Amino acid sequence: MAQPHWHSLRLAALASGLCLFALMVLSLSTGANQQHFEQVMAPQVYAHDLLAQAAGLRWIIALDDVFIACYMTVGILFARQLVGPTAHALRPWIVGMSVAAGVLDFLENHHILAMLHQAQTGGVPDYSYLVLRENLSAMKWLLGHSAFFLVGWCLPTHSIPLRLFQWALLFVQLPIGALTLTVQDPAWAPALNLIRLINVMMGFFLVAWLFPSPPTEPQ
């Protein structure tokens, strides 16, 4: 396997982790929360909250667009570097899910931005659009988590850190993502959202740290 591709993967993973960290800081500093607009609520409330968070939301969407490009690159490059018969079978699915998640994420960002522009002209979003928005947002998250679940089946495990990373991809990150989408209790939702973001961010940083050189091919 070619070393330059691992170097590119590490850079893309590091950029993804830093973008996500910056998004979390930006959300805390501005009070804008993009994930708030991934769920169904009364159209009048949705439009009011868009207007209230408008300034911060624009900055978050701009940075999130960069983050999306970075994490799609991670998915594509990671799939390229995985070896072995399992990787050969799953590689197209990993790439496809990663790209599909990114495309849905781009659509989400600019759908939210369009609804903000609508609210600024006095309009409110159609309720059916908000139901669709929640469905597509959930699909985006689940595709991303599932892509890295598939990566977990393909990882070499010749070191303890790689085994632990594989365990996290298979048994931690996907359940956290699923719980965040299904638990709607206001007492739990903020904590689960934060845990999900930290989980994803640490995953990117671990990719950048764990793969300084090509791992050996699994037997």
N, C-alpha and C. Protein backbone atom coordinates (compact mmCIF):
# COMPACT_ATOMS: atom_id res chain seq x y z
N MET A 1 0.84 -1.20 0.00
CA MET A 1 0.00 0.00 0.00
C MET A 1 0.87 1.25 0.00
N ALA A 2 0.44 2.24 -0.71
CA ALA A 2 1.28 3.42 -0.90
C ALA A 2 1.22 4.34 0.31
N GLN A 3 2.39 4.72 0.79
CA GLN A 3 2.49 5.60 1.94
C GLN A 3 1.81 6.96 1.74
N PRO A 4 1.89 7.60 0.54
CA PRO A 4 1.26 8.91 0.39
C PRO A 4 -0.23 8.90 0.68
N HIS A 5 -0.92 7.77 0.40
CA HIS A 5 -2.35 7.72 0.66
C HIS A 5 -2.63 7.71 2.16
N TRP A 6 -1.75 7.04 2.94
CA TRP A 6 -1.93 7.06 4.39
C TRP A 6 -1.68 8.47 4.92
N HIS A 7 -0.70 9.17 4.34
CA HIS A 7 -0.44 10.55 4.77
C HIS A 7 -1.66 11.43 4.48
N SER A 8 -2.26 11.25 3.32
CA SER A 8 -3.45 12.03 2.98
C SER A 8 -4.60 11.70 3.91
N LEU A 9 -4.75 10.41 4.25
CA LEU A 9 -5.81 10.00 5.18
C LEU A 9 -5.62 10.66 6.54
N ARG A 10 -4.39 10.65 7.03
CA ARG A 10 -4.12 11.27 8.34
C ARG A 10 -4.44 12.76 8.32
N LEU A 11 -4.06 13.45 7.25
CA LEU A 11 -4.35 14.88 7.15
C LEU A 11 -5.85 15.14 7.10
N ALA A 12 -6.57 14.35 6.30
CA ALA A 12 -8.02 14.53 6.19
C ALA A 12 -8.70 14.23 7.52
N ALA A 13 -8.24 13.19 8.22
CA ALA A 13 -8.83 12.85 9.52
C ALA A 13 -8.55 13.94 10.54
N LEU A 14 -7.33 14.45 10.55
CA LEU A 14 -6.99 15.54 11.47
C LEU A 14 -7.83 16.78 11.17
N ALA A 15 -7.96 17.11 9.89
CA ALA A 15 -8.78 18.27 9.51
C ALA A 15 -10.23 18.07 9.93
N SER A 16 -10.76 16.85 9.79
CA SER A 16 -12.14 16.56 10.18
C SER A 16 -12.32 16.75 11.68
N GLY A 17 -11.38 16.21 12.46
CA GLY A 17 -11.48 16.37 13.91
C GLY A 17 -11.40 17.82 14.34
N LEU A 18 -10.50 18.59 13.73
CA LEU A 18 -10.37 20.00 14.08
C LEU A 18 -11.60 20.80 13.66
N CYS A 19 -12.17 20.48 12.51
CA CYS A 19 -13.39 21.16 12.07
C CYS A 19 -14.53 20.89 13.04
N LEU A 20 -14.66 19.65 13.47
CA LEU A 20 -15.75 19.32 14.39
C LEU A 20 -15.54 20.00 15.74
N PHE A 21 -14.30 20.05 16.20
CA PHE A 21 -14.01 20.76 17.45
C PHE A 21 -14.36 22.25 17.31
N ALA A 22 -13.98 22.84 16.17
CA ALA A 22 -14.30 24.25 15.94
C ALA A 22 -15.81 24.48 15.87
N LEU A 23 -16.54 23.52 15.27
CA LEU A 23 -18.00 23.63 15.22
C LEU A 23 -18.61 23.61 16.62
N MET A 24 -18.09 22.77 17.49
CA MET A 24 -18.59 22.71 18.86
C MET A 24 -18.31 24.00 19.60
N VAL A 25 -17.11 24.55 19.42
CA VAL A 25 -16.76 25.82 20.06
C VAL A 25 -17.63 26.95 19.52
N LEU A 26 -17.84 26.96 18.21
CA LEU A 26 -18.66 28.00 17.58
C LEU A 26 -20.10 27.92 18.07
N SER A 27 -20.61 26.72 18.22
CA SER A 27 -21.98 26.56 18.72
C SER A 27 -22.10 27.07 20.16
N LEU A 28 -21.11 26.74 20.98
CA LEU A 28 -21.14 27.21 22.36
C LEU A 28 -21.02 28.73 22.45
N SER A 29 -20.20 29.31 21.60
CA SER A 29 -19.94 30.76 21.69
C SER A 29 -21.06 31.60 21.10
N THR A 30 -21.79 31.05 20.12
CA THR A 30 -22.85 31.83 19.47
C THR A 30 -24.25 31.46 19.97
N GLY A 31 -24.36 30.30 20.59
CA GLY A 31 -25.68 29.83 21.02
C GLY A 31 -26.47 29.17 19.92
N ALA A 32 -25.93 29.13 18.71
CA ALA A 32 -26.61 28.47 17.59
C ALA A 32 -26.34 26.97 17.64
N ASN A 33 -27.35 26.18 17.33
CA ASN A 33 -27.22 24.73 17.39
C ASN A 33 -27.89 24.12 16.17
N GLN A 34 -27.08 23.71 15.23
CA GLN A 34 -27.61 23.17 13.98
C GLN A 34 -28.44 21.91 14.21
N GLN A 35 -28.02 21.08 15.16
CA GLN A 35 -28.75 19.84 15.41
C GLN A 35 -30.17 20.09 15.91
N HIS A 36 -30.41 21.26 16.48
CA HIS A 36 -31.76 21.63 16.91
C HIS A 36 -32.73 21.61 15.73
N PHE A 37 -32.22 21.89 14.54
CA PHE A 37 -33.07 21.98 13.35
C PHE A 37 -33.15 20.67 12.57
N GLU A 38 -32.64 19.59 13.18
CA GLU A 38 -32.75 18.27 12.57
C GLU A 38 -33.98 17.53 13.06
N GLN A 39 -34.81 18.16 13.88
CA GLN A 39 -35.96 17.47 14.45
C GLN A 39 -37.25 18.23 14.17
N VAL A 40 -38.34 17.50 14.22
CA VAL A 40 -39.65 18.08 13.95
C VAL A 40 -40.09 18.94 15.13
N MET A 41 -40.66 20.09 14.82
CA MET A 41 -41.30 20.96 15.81
C MET A 41 -42.37 21.77 15.09
N ALA A 42 -43.15 22.50 15.84
CA ALA A 42 -44.18 23.33 15.21
C ALA A 42 -43.53 24.30 14.23
N PRO A 43 -44.08 24.46 13.02
CA PRO A 43 -43.46 25.34 12.03
C PRO A 43 -43.19 26.75 12.52
N GLN A 44 -44.11 27.32 13.32
CA GLN A 44 -43.90 28.67 13.83
C GLN A 44 -42.70 28.72 14.78
N VAL A 45 -42.56 27.68 15.59
CA VAL A 45 -41.42 27.60 16.52
C VAL A 45 -40.13 27.43 15.73
N TYR A 46 -40.16 26.59 14.71
CA TYR A 46 -38.98 26.35 13.87
C TYR A 46 -38.52 27.66 13.23
N ALA A 47 -39.46 28.41 12.65
CA ALA A 47 -39.11 29.68 12.01
C ALA A 47 -38.58 30.68 13.04
N HIS A 48 -39.21 30.74 14.22
CA HIS A 48 -38.75 31.66 15.27
C HIS A 48 -37.32 31.33 15.70
N ASP A 49 -37.04 30.03 15.89
CA ASP A 49 -35.70 29.62 16.34
C ASP A 49 -34.65 29.87 15.25
N LEU A 50 -35.02 29.69 13.98
CA LEU A 50 -34.10 30.01 12.90
C LEU A 50 -33.70 31.48 12.94
N LEU A 51 -34.68 32.35 13.12
CA LEU A 51 -34.40 33.79 13.16
C LEU A 51 -33.55 34.14 14.38
N ALA A 52 -33.84 33.49 15.51
CA ALA A 52 -33.09 33.79 16.74
C ALA A 52 -31.64 33.37 16.65
N GLN A 53 -31.36 32.32 15.86
CA GLN A 53 -30.00 31.79 15.77
C GLN A 53 -29.33 32.13 14.43
N ALA A 54 -29.91 33.05 13.67
CA ALA A 54 -29.50 33.27 12.28
C ALA A 54 -28.02 33.58 12.12
N ALA A 55 -27.50 34.50 12.91
CA ALA A 55 -26.10 34.92 12.72
C ALA A 55 -25.13 33.77 12.94
N GLY A 56 -25.28 33.08 14.07
CA GLY A 56 -24.38 31.97 14.35
C GLY A 56 -24.58 30.80 13.41
N LEU A 57 -25.82 30.59 12.99
CA LEU A 57 -26.13 29.45 12.12
C LEU A 57 -25.44 29.57 10.77
N ARG A 58 -25.34 30.77 10.25
CA ARG A 58 -24.65 30.95 8.96
C ARG A 58 -23.18 30.55 9.06
N TRP A 59 -22.52 30.97 10.13
CA TRP A 59 -21.11 30.60 10.32
C TRP A 59 -20.96 29.09 10.49
N ILE A 60 -21.89 28.49 11.24
CA ILE A 60 -21.82 27.05 11.47
C ILE A 60 -22.00 26.28 10.17
N ILE A 61 -22.94 26.70 9.35
CA ILE A 61 -23.18 26.01 8.08
C ILE A 61 -21.97 26.14 7.15
N ALA A 62 -21.36 27.31 7.12
CA ALA A 62 -20.17 27.50 6.27
C ALA A 62 -19.05 26.57 6.70
N LEU A 63 -18.79 26.49 8.01
CA LEU A 63 -17.73 25.62 8.50
C LEU A 63 -18.11 24.15 8.34
N ASP A 64 -19.38 23.85 8.53
CA ASP A 64 -19.83 22.47 8.38
C ASP A 64 -19.66 21.98 6.95
N ASP A 65 -19.84 22.86 5.98
CA ASP A 65 -19.61 22.46 4.58
C ASP A 65 -18.17 21.99 4.38
N VAL A 66 -17.22 22.68 5.03
CA VAL A 66 -15.81 22.26 4.95
C VAL A 66 -15.62 20.92 5.64
N PHE A 67 -16.25 20.77 6.81
CA PHE A 67 -16.17 19.51 7.56
C PHE A 67 -16.69 18.34 6.74
N ILE A 68 -17.80 18.56 6.03
CA ILE A 68 -18.38 17.49 5.22
C ILE A 68 -17.40 17.03 4.15
N ALA A 69 -16.77 17.98 3.46
CA ALA A 69 -15.80 17.62 2.44
C ALA A 69 -14.64 16.82 3.04
N CYS A 70 -14.22 17.20 4.23
CA CYS A 70 -13.11 16.50 4.90
C CYS A 70 -13.51 15.08 5.28
N TYR A 71 -14.71 14.91 5.87
CA TYR A 71 -15.03 13.55 6.33
C TYR A 71 -15.38 12.63 5.17
N MET A 72 -15.91 13.16 4.07
CA MET A 72 -16.09 12.31 2.89
C MET A 72 -14.74 11.83 2.37
N THR A 73 -13.75 12.71 2.39
CA THR A 73 -12.41 12.33 1.96
C THR A 73 -11.84 11.23 2.85
N VAL A 74 -12.08 11.33 4.16
CA VAL A 74 -11.63 10.28 5.08
C VAL A 74 -12.24 8.94 4.70
N GLY A 75 -13.55 8.92 4.47
CA GLY A 75 -14.21 7.66 4.12
C GLY A 75 -13.65 7.05 2.85
N ILE A 76 -13.41 7.88 1.85
CA ILE A 76 -12.91 7.38 0.56
C ILE A 76 -11.47 6.86 0.71
N LEU A 77 -10.62 7.65 1.36
CA LEU A 77 -9.22 7.25 1.51
C LEU A 77 -9.06 6.05 2.43
N PHE A 78 -9.86 6.00 3.50
CA PHE A 78 -9.78 4.86 4.42
C PHE A 78 -10.15 3.57 3.68
N ALA A 79 -11.23 3.63 2.92
CA ALA A 79 -11.65 2.44 2.17
C ALA A 79 -10.56 1.99 1.20
N ARG A 80 -9.88 2.95 0.58
CA ARG A 80 -8.82 2.62 -0.38
C ARG A 80 -7.68 1.86 0.28
N GLN A 81 -7.40 2.17 1.54
CA GLN A 81 -6.24 1.58 2.20
C GLN A 81 -6.52 0.25 2.88
N LEU A 82 -7.77 -0.10 3.09
CA LEU A 82 -8.08 -1.36 3.75
C LEU A 82 -7.78 -2.52 2.82
N VAL A 83 -7.26 -3.60 3.40
CA VAL A 83 -6.85 -4.75 2.60
C VAL A 83 -7.47 -6.03 3.14
N GLY A 84 -7.40 -7.08 2.33
CA GLY A 84 -7.94 -8.37 2.73
C GLY A 84 -9.27 -8.66 2.05
N PRO A 85 -9.72 -9.90 2.10
CA PRO A 85 -10.96 -10.28 1.42
C PRO A 85 -12.20 -9.56 1.95
N THR A 86 -12.27 -9.33 3.26
CA THR A 86 -13.43 -8.62 3.81
C THR A 86 -13.45 -7.19 3.30
N ALA A 87 -12.30 -6.55 3.28
CA ALA A 87 -12.22 -5.17 2.78
C ALA A 87 -12.60 -5.10 1.31
N HIS A 88 -12.19 -6.10 0.55
CA HIS A 88 -12.52 -6.10 -0.88
C HIS A 88 -14.03 -6.13 -1.08
N ALA A 89 -14.74 -6.88 -0.24
CA ALA A 89 -16.19 -6.98 -0.37
C ALA A 89 -16.90 -5.73 0.13
N LEU A 90 -16.36 -5.11 1.18
CA LEU A 90 -17.07 -4.00 1.83
C LEU A 90 -16.64 -2.63 1.33
N ARG A 91 -15.50 -2.54 0.64
CA ARG A 91 -14.97 -1.24 0.23
C ARG A 91 -15.98 -0.39 -0.54
N PRO A 92 -16.68 -0.93 -1.55
CA PRO A 92 -17.65 -0.08 -2.27
C PRO A 92 -18.76 0.45 -1.37
N TRP A 93 -19.16 -0.38 -0.40
CA TRP A 93 -20.23 0.06 0.51
C TRP A 93 -19.74 1.15 1.44
N ILE A 94 -18.49 1.04 1.90
CA ILE A 94 -17.93 2.09 2.77
C ILE A 94 -17.87 3.42 2.03
N VAL A 95 -17.36 3.39 0.80
CA VAL A 95 -17.29 4.61 0.00
C VAL A 95 -18.69 5.15 -0.27
N GLY A 96 -19.59 4.27 -0.69
CA GLY A 96 -20.94 4.72 -1.02
C GLY A 96 -21.67 5.34 0.15
N MET A 97 -21.57 4.70 1.33
CA MET A 97 -22.24 5.23 2.51
C MET A 97 -21.61 6.55 2.94
N SER A 98 -20.29 6.66 2.88
CA SER A 98 -19.61 7.90 3.27
C SER A 98 -20.03 9.06 2.38
N VAL A 99 -20.05 8.81 1.07
CA VAL A 99 -20.42 9.86 0.14
C VAL A 99 -21.91 10.21 0.28
N ALA A 100 -22.76 9.18 0.44
CA ALA A 100 -24.19 9.43 0.61
C ALA A 100 -24.46 10.27 1.86
N ALA A 101 -23.76 9.96 2.95
CA ALA A 101 -23.93 10.74 4.18
C ALA A 101 -23.52 12.20 3.94
N GLY A 102 -22.42 12.39 3.22
CA GLY A 102 -21.97 13.75 2.94
C GLY A 102 -22.94 14.52 2.06
N VAL A 103 -23.48 13.86 1.04
CA VAL A 103 -24.45 14.52 0.16
C VAL A 103 -25.69 14.92 0.94
N LEU A 104 -26.19 14.02 1.79
CA LEU A 104 -27.35 14.35 2.62
C LEU A 104 -27.04 15.49 3.58
N ASP A 105 -25.81 15.53 4.07
CA ASP A 105 -25.40 16.60 4.98
C ASP A 105 -25.36 17.95 4.26
N PHE A 106 -24.80 17.97 3.04
CA PHE A 106 -24.83 19.21 2.25
C PHE A 106 -26.27 19.67 2.01
N LEU A 107 -27.14 18.72 1.63
CA LEU A 107 -28.54 19.06 1.39
C LEU A 107 -29.19 19.61 2.66
N GLU A 108 -28.88 18.99 3.78
CA GLU A 108 -29.45 19.46 5.05
C GLU A 108 -29.04 20.90 5.35
N ASN A 109 -27.75 21.17 5.21
CA ASN A 109 -27.25 22.52 5.50
C ASN A 109 -28.00 23.58 4.70
N HIS A 110 -28.14 23.30 3.42
CA HIS A 110 -28.69 24.36 2.57
C HIS A 110 -30.22 24.34 2.51
N HIS A 111 -30.81 23.25 2.96
CA HIS A 111 -32.25 23.26 3.20
C HIS A 111 -32.56 24.12 4.42
N ILE A 112 -31.77 23.95 5.48
CA ILE A 112 -31.95 24.79 6.68
C ILE A 112 -31.72 26.25 6.33
N LEU A 113 -30.69 26.53 5.53
CA LEU A 113 -30.41 27.91 5.14
C LEU A 113 -31.56 28.48 4.31
N ALA A 114 -32.13 27.67 3.41
CA ALA A 114 -33.27 28.14 2.61
C ALA A 114 -34.47 28.43 3.50
N MET A 115 -34.69 27.59 4.51
CA MET A 115 -35.80 27.83 5.43
C MET A 115 -35.56 29.08 6.27
N LEU A 116 -34.29 29.38 6.57
CA LEU A 116 -33.97 30.63 7.25
C LEU A 116 -34.34 31.82 6.37
N HIS A 117 -33.98 31.76 5.10
CA HIS A 117 -34.33 32.85 4.18
C HIS A 117 -35.85 32.99 4.07
N GLN A 118 -36.54 31.86 4.08
CA GLN A 118 -38.00 31.89 4.04
C GLN A 118 -38.54 32.59 5.30
N ALA A 119 -37.98 32.25 6.46
CA ALA A 119 -38.44 32.86 7.71
C ALA A 119 -38.18 34.36 7.72
N GLN A 120 -37.08 34.77 7.10
CA GLN A 120 -36.74 36.20 7.08
C GLN A 120 -37.70 37.01 6.19
N THR A 121 -38.43 36.32 5.33
CA THR A 121 -39.43 37.01 4.51
C THR A 121 -40.84 36.85 5.09
N GLY A 122 -40.91 36.30 6.30
CA GLY A 122 -42.19 36.17 6.97
C GLY A 122 -42.87 34.83 6.80
N GLY A 123 -42.24 33.89 6.11
CA GLY A 123 -42.84 32.59 5.89
C GLY A 123 -42.49 31.60 6.99
N VAL A 124 -43.18 30.47 6.98
CA VAL A 124 -42.89 29.36 7.89
C VAL A 124 -42.78 28.09 7.05
N PRO A 125 -41.94 27.14 7.45
CA PRO A 125 -41.79 25.91 6.67
C PRO A 125 -43.03 25.04 6.75
N ASP A 126 -43.28 24.30 5.70
CA ASP A 126 -44.37 23.34 5.69
C ASP A 126 -44.05 22.20 6.66
N TYR A 127 -45.07 21.74 7.40
CA TYR A 127 -44.83 20.70 8.41
C TYR A 127 -44.28 19.42 7.78
N SER A 128 -44.77 19.08 6.59
CA SER A 128 -44.28 17.86 5.94
C SER A 128 -42.80 17.96 5.60
N TYR A 129 -42.32 19.17 5.30
CA TYR A 129 -40.90 19.35 5.03
C TYR A 129 -40.07 19.10 6.30
N LEU A 130 -40.61 19.48 7.45
CA LEU A 130 -39.88 19.28 8.70
C LEU A 130 -39.82 17.79 9.05
N VAL A 131 -40.89 17.06 8.75
CA VAL A 131 -40.86 15.61 8.96
C VAL A 131 -39.81 14.98 8.04
N LEU A 132 -39.79 15.41 6.78
CA LEU A 132 -38.78 14.91 5.84
C LEU A 132 -37.38 15.28 6.28
N ARG A 133 -37.23 16.51 6.80
CA ARG A 133 -35.92 16.95 7.27
C ARG A 133 -35.40 16.04 8.38
N GLU A 134 -36.26 15.68 9.33
CA GLU A 134 -35.84 14.80 10.41
C GLU A 134 -35.47 13.42 9.87
N ASN A 135 -36.27 12.90 8.95
CA ASN A 135 -35.98 11.58 8.38
C ASN A 135 -34.64 11.57 7.65
N LEU A 136 -34.40 12.57 6.83
CA LEU A 136 -33.15 12.62 6.07
C LEU A 136 -31.94 12.86 6.98
N SER A 137 -32.13 13.65 8.03
CA SER A 137 -31.05 13.87 8.99
C SER A 137 -30.67 12.58 9.70
N ALA A 138 -31.69 11.81 10.10
CA ALA A 138 -31.41 10.53 10.74
C ALA A 138 -30.69 9.59 9.78
N MET A 139 -31.12 9.58 8.52
CA MET A 139 -30.47 8.74 7.53
C MET A 139 -29.00 9.14 7.35
N LYS A 140 -28.75 10.44 7.34
CA LYS A 140 -27.38 10.93 7.21
C LYS A 140 -26.50 10.38 8.33
N TRP A 141 -26.97 10.51 9.58
CA TRP A 141 -26.19 10.04 10.72
C TRP A 141 -25.97 8.53 10.64
N LEU A 142 -27.03 7.78 10.34
CA LEU A 142 -26.93 6.33 10.34
C LEU A 142 -26.03 5.82 9.22
N LEU A 143 -26.05 6.49 8.07
CA LEU A 143 -25.13 6.09 6.99
C LEU A 143 -23.68 6.30 7.41
N GLY A 144 -23.40 7.44 8.04
CA GLY A 144 -22.04 7.71 8.49
C GLY A 144 -21.57 6.70 9.53
N HIS A 145 -22.42 6.44 10.53
CA HIS A 145 -22.06 5.47 11.56
C HIS A 145 -21.89 4.08 10.95
N SER A 146 -22.78 3.72 10.02
CA SER A 146 -22.70 2.38 9.41
C SER A 146 -21.45 2.23 8.56
N ALA A 147 -21.03 3.29 7.89
CA ALA A 147 -19.80 3.22 7.09
C ALA A 147 -18.61 2.86 7.97
N PHE A 148 -18.53 3.49 9.14
CA PHE A 148 -17.39 3.19 10.02
C PHE A 148 -17.57 1.89 10.78
N PHE A 149 -18.81 1.43 10.93
CA PHE A 149 -19.06 0.08 11.43
C PHE A 149 -18.46 -0.94 10.45
N LEU A 150 -18.66 -0.72 9.16
CA LEU A 150 -18.07 -1.62 8.15
C LEU A 150 -16.55 -1.54 8.16
N VAL A 151 -16.00 -0.33 8.35
CA VAL A 151 -14.55 -0.20 8.46
C VAL A 151 -14.02 -1.09 9.59
N GLY A 152 -14.78 -1.13 10.70
CA GLY A 152 -14.34 -1.93 11.84
C GLY A 152 -14.14 -3.40 11.51
N TRP A 153 -14.94 -3.95 10.59
CA TRP A 153 -14.78 -5.34 10.19
C TRP A 153 -13.54 -5.58 9.35
N CYS A 154 -12.98 -4.52 8.79
CA CYS A 154 -11.85 -4.65 7.86
C CYS A 154 -10.51 -4.29 8.49
N LEU A 155 -10.52 -3.72 9.69
CA LEU A 155 -9.27 -3.22 10.27
C LEU A 155 -8.32 -4.35 10.64
N PRO A 156 -7.03 -4.14 10.43
CA PRO A 156 -6.03 -5.07 10.97
C PRO A 156 -5.99 -4.92 12.49
N THR A 157 -5.62 -5.96 13.18
CA THR A 157 -5.61 -5.93 14.66
C THR A 157 -4.29 -6.43 15.20
N HIS A 158 -3.18 -5.98 14.59
CA HIS A 158 -1.87 -6.46 15.01
C HIS A 158 -1.32 -5.69 16.21
N SER A 159 -2.07 -4.72 16.73
CA SER A 159 -1.63 -4.01 17.93
C SER A 159 -2.84 -3.78 18.83
N ILE A 160 -2.56 -3.57 20.12
CA ILE A 160 -3.65 -3.35 21.08
C ILE A 160 -4.44 -2.09 20.75
N PRO A 161 -3.80 -0.94 20.41
CA PRO A 161 -4.60 0.23 20.05
C PRO A 161 -5.53 -0.01 18.86
N LEU A 162 -5.05 -0.76 17.86
CA LEU A 162 -5.91 -1.06 16.72
C LEU A 162 -7.07 -1.97 17.11
N ARG A 163 -6.83 -2.91 18.01
CA ARG A 163 -7.92 -3.77 18.48
C ARG A 163 -8.96 -2.95 19.23
N LEU A 164 -8.49 -2.03 20.06
CA LEU A 164 -9.42 -1.19 20.82
C LEU A 164 -10.22 -0.28 19.88
N PHE A 165 -9.53 0.24 18.85
CA PHE A 165 -10.22 1.09 17.88
C PHE A 165 -11.27 0.29 17.13
N GLN A 166 -10.92 -0.93 16.73
CA GLN A 166 -11.89 -1.79 16.07
C GLN A 166 -13.09 -2.05 16.97
N TRP A 167 -12.85 -2.32 18.24
CA TRP A 167 -13.93 -2.57 19.19
C TRP A 167 -14.84 -1.35 19.29
N ALA A 168 -14.24 -0.15 19.31
CA ALA A 168 -15.04 1.07 19.39
C ALA A 168 -15.90 1.27 18.15
N LEU A 169 -15.34 0.96 16.97
CA LEU A 169 -16.11 1.11 15.73
C LEU A 169 -17.26 0.12 15.67
N LEU A 170 -17.04 -1.08 16.19
CA LEU A 170 -18.06 -2.12 16.09
C LEU A 170 -19.12 -2.03 17.19
N PHE A 171 -18.71 -1.65 18.40
CA PHE A 171 -19.60 -1.80 19.54
C PHE A 171 -19.90 -0.51 20.31
N VAL A 172 -19.32 0.61 19.90
CA VAL A 172 -19.55 1.85 20.65
C VAL A 172 -20.20 2.91 19.77
N GLN A 173 -19.55 3.28 18.67
CA GLN A 173 -20.01 4.45 17.93
C GLN A 173 -21.38 4.28 17.29
N LEU A 174 -21.69 3.10 16.77
CA LEU A 174 -23.00 2.89 16.14
C LEU A 174 -24.13 2.89 17.17
N PRO A 175 -24.00 2.17 18.30
CA PRO A 175 -25.06 2.26 19.32
C PRO A 175 -25.28 3.67 19.86
N ILE A 176 -24.20 4.43 20.04
CA ILE A 176 -24.36 5.81 20.50
C ILE A 176 -25.16 6.62 19.48
N GLY A 177 -24.83 6.45 18.20
CA GLY A 177 -25.55 7.17 17.16
C GLY A 177 -27.01 6.79 17.13
N ALA A 178 -27.31 5.49 17.25
CA ALA A 178 -28.69 5.03 17.21
C ALA A 178 -29.48 5.54 18.42
N LEU A 179 -28.87 5.50 19.60
CA LEU A 179 -29.56 5.97 20.80
C LEU A 179 -29.86 7.46 20.72
N THR A 180 -28.93 8.23 20.19
CA THR A 180 -29.13 9.67 20.08
C THR A 180 -30.33 9.99 19.20
N LEU A 181 -30.55 9.19 18.19
CA LEU A 181 -31.66 9.43 17.27
C LEU A 181 -33.00 8.94 17.81
N THR A 182 -32.97 7.95 18.70
CA THR A 182 -34.22 7.34 19.14
C THR A 182 -34.68 7.81 20.51
N VAL A 183 -33.77 8.25 21.36
CA VAL A 183 -34.14 8.73 22.69
C VAL A 183 -34.51 10.20 22.59
N GLN A 184 -35.78 10.51 22.74
CA GLN A 184 -36.26 11.88 22.59
C GLN A 184 -36.53 12.56 23.93
N ASP A 185 -36.18 11.90 25.03
CA ASP A 185 -36.39 12.47 26.36
C ASP A 185 -35.54 13.73 26.52
N PRO A 186 -36.15 14.89 26.80
CA PRO A 186 -35.36 16.13 26.96
C PRO A 186 -34.29 16.05 28.04
N ALA A 187 -34.47 15.16 29.00
CA ALA A 187 -33.48 15.02 30.07
C ALA A 187 -32.21 14.34 29.57
N TRP A 188 -32.33 13.52 28.52
CA TRP A 188 -31.19 12.76 28.02
C TRP A 188 -30.64 13.28 26.70
N ALA A 189 -31.48 13.90 25.89
CA ALA A 189 -31.08 14.26 24.53
C ALA A 189 -29.84 15.16 24.46
N PRO A 190 -29.74 16.24 25.28
CA PRO A 190 -28.53 17.09 25.17
C PRO A 190 -27.24 16.33 25.47
N ALA A 191 -27.28 15.47 26.50
CA ALA A 191 -26.08 14.71 26.85
C ALA A 191 -25.72 13.73 25.74
N LEU A 192 -26.72 13.06 25.17
CA LEU A 192 -26.46 12.11 24.10
C LEU A 192 -25.91 12.80 22.86
N ASN A 193 -26.44 13.98 22.53
CA ASN A 193 -25.92 14.73 21.39
C ASN A 193 -24.46 15.09 21.59
N LEU A 194 -24.12 15.52 22.81
CA LEU A 194 -22.74 15.89 23.10
C LEU A 194 -21.83 14.67 23.03
N ILE A 195 -22.28 13.55 23.61
CA ILE A 195 -21.49 12.32 23.57
C ILE A 195 -21.27 11.87 22.14
N ARG A 196 -22.31 11.98 21.31
CA ARG A 196 -22.17 11.59 19.90
C ARG A 196 -21.12 12.44 19.20
N LEU A 197 -21.16 13.75 19.41
CA LEU A 197 -20.18 14.63 18.75
C LEU A 197 -18.76 14.34 19.22
N ILE A 198 -18.58 14.15 20.53
CA ILE A 198 -17.25 13.84 21.05
C ILE A 198 -16.78 12.49 20.52
N ASN A 199 -17.68 11.52 20.46
CA ASN A 199 -17.36 10.20 19.92
C ASN A 199 -16.85 10.30 18.48
N VAL A 200 -17.56 11.07 17.65
CA VAL A 200 -17.16 11.22 16.25
C VAL A 200 -15.82 11.97 16.15
N MET A 201 -15.69 13.04 16.92
CA MET A 201 -14.45 13.83 16.88
C MET A 201 -13.25 12.98 17.28
N MET A 202 -13.38 12.22 18.38
CA MET A 202 -12.27 11.39 18.83
C MET A 202 -11.95 10.30 17.81
N GLY A 203 -12.97 9.81 17.09
CA GLY A 203 -12.71 8.83 16.05
C GLY A 203 -11.79 9.37 14.97
N PHE A 204 -12.03 10.62 14.54
CA PHE A 204 -11.17 11.21 13.52
C PHE A 204 -9.75 11.41 14.06
N PHE A 205 -9.62 11.88 15.28
CA PHE A 205 -8.29 12.07 15.86
C PHE A 205 -7.55 10.74 16.01
N LEU A 206 -8.29 9.67 16.34
CA LEU A 206 -7.65 8.36 16.47
C LEU A 206 -7.16 7.85 15.12
N VAL A 207 -7.92 8.10 14.06
CA VAL A 207 -7.46 7.71 12.72
C VAL A 207 -6.14 8.43 12.40
N ALA A 208 -6.08 9.73 12.71
CA ALA A 208 -4.86 10.50 12.43
C ALA A 208 -3.68 10.00 13.26
N TRP A 209 -3.96 9.48 14.46
CA TRP A 209 -2.89 9.04 15.35
C TRP A 209 -2.48 7.59 15.11
N LEU A 210 -3.45 6.71 14.81
CA LEU A 210 -3.17 5.29 14.75
C LEU A 210 -2.52 4.84 13.46
N PHE A 211 -2.59 5.65 12.42
CA PHE A 211 -2.11 5.20 11.13
C PHE A 211 -0.97 6.07 10.59
N PRO A 212 0.16 6.12 11.33
CA PRO A 212 1.31 6.87 10.82
C PRO A 212 2.01 6.15 9.69
N SER A 213 1.75 4.86 9.56
CA SER A 213 2.31 4.07 8.46
C SER A 213 1.32 2.94 8.15
N PRO A 214 1.41 2.36 6.99
CA PRO A 214 0.47 1.32 6.62
C PRO A 214 0.51 0.14 7.58
N PRO A 215 -0.62 -0.29 8.14
CA PRO A 215 -0.62 -1.48 8.96
C PRO A 215 -0.42 -2.74 8.13
N THR A 216 -0.01 -3.80 8.78
CA THR A 216 0.17 -5.05 8.06
C THR A 216 -1.15 -5.61 7.62
N GLU A 217 -1.13 -6.37 6.53
CA GLU A 217 -2.35 -6.94 5.99
C GLU A 217 -2.86 -8.04 6.92
N PRO A 218 -4.18 -8.04 7.24
CA PRO A 218 -4.71 -9.07 8.12
C PRO A 218 -4.58 -10.45 7.47
N GLN A 219 -4.35 -11.45 8.30
CA GLN A 219 -4.18 -12.82 7.80
C GLN A 219 -5.54 -13.49 7.66
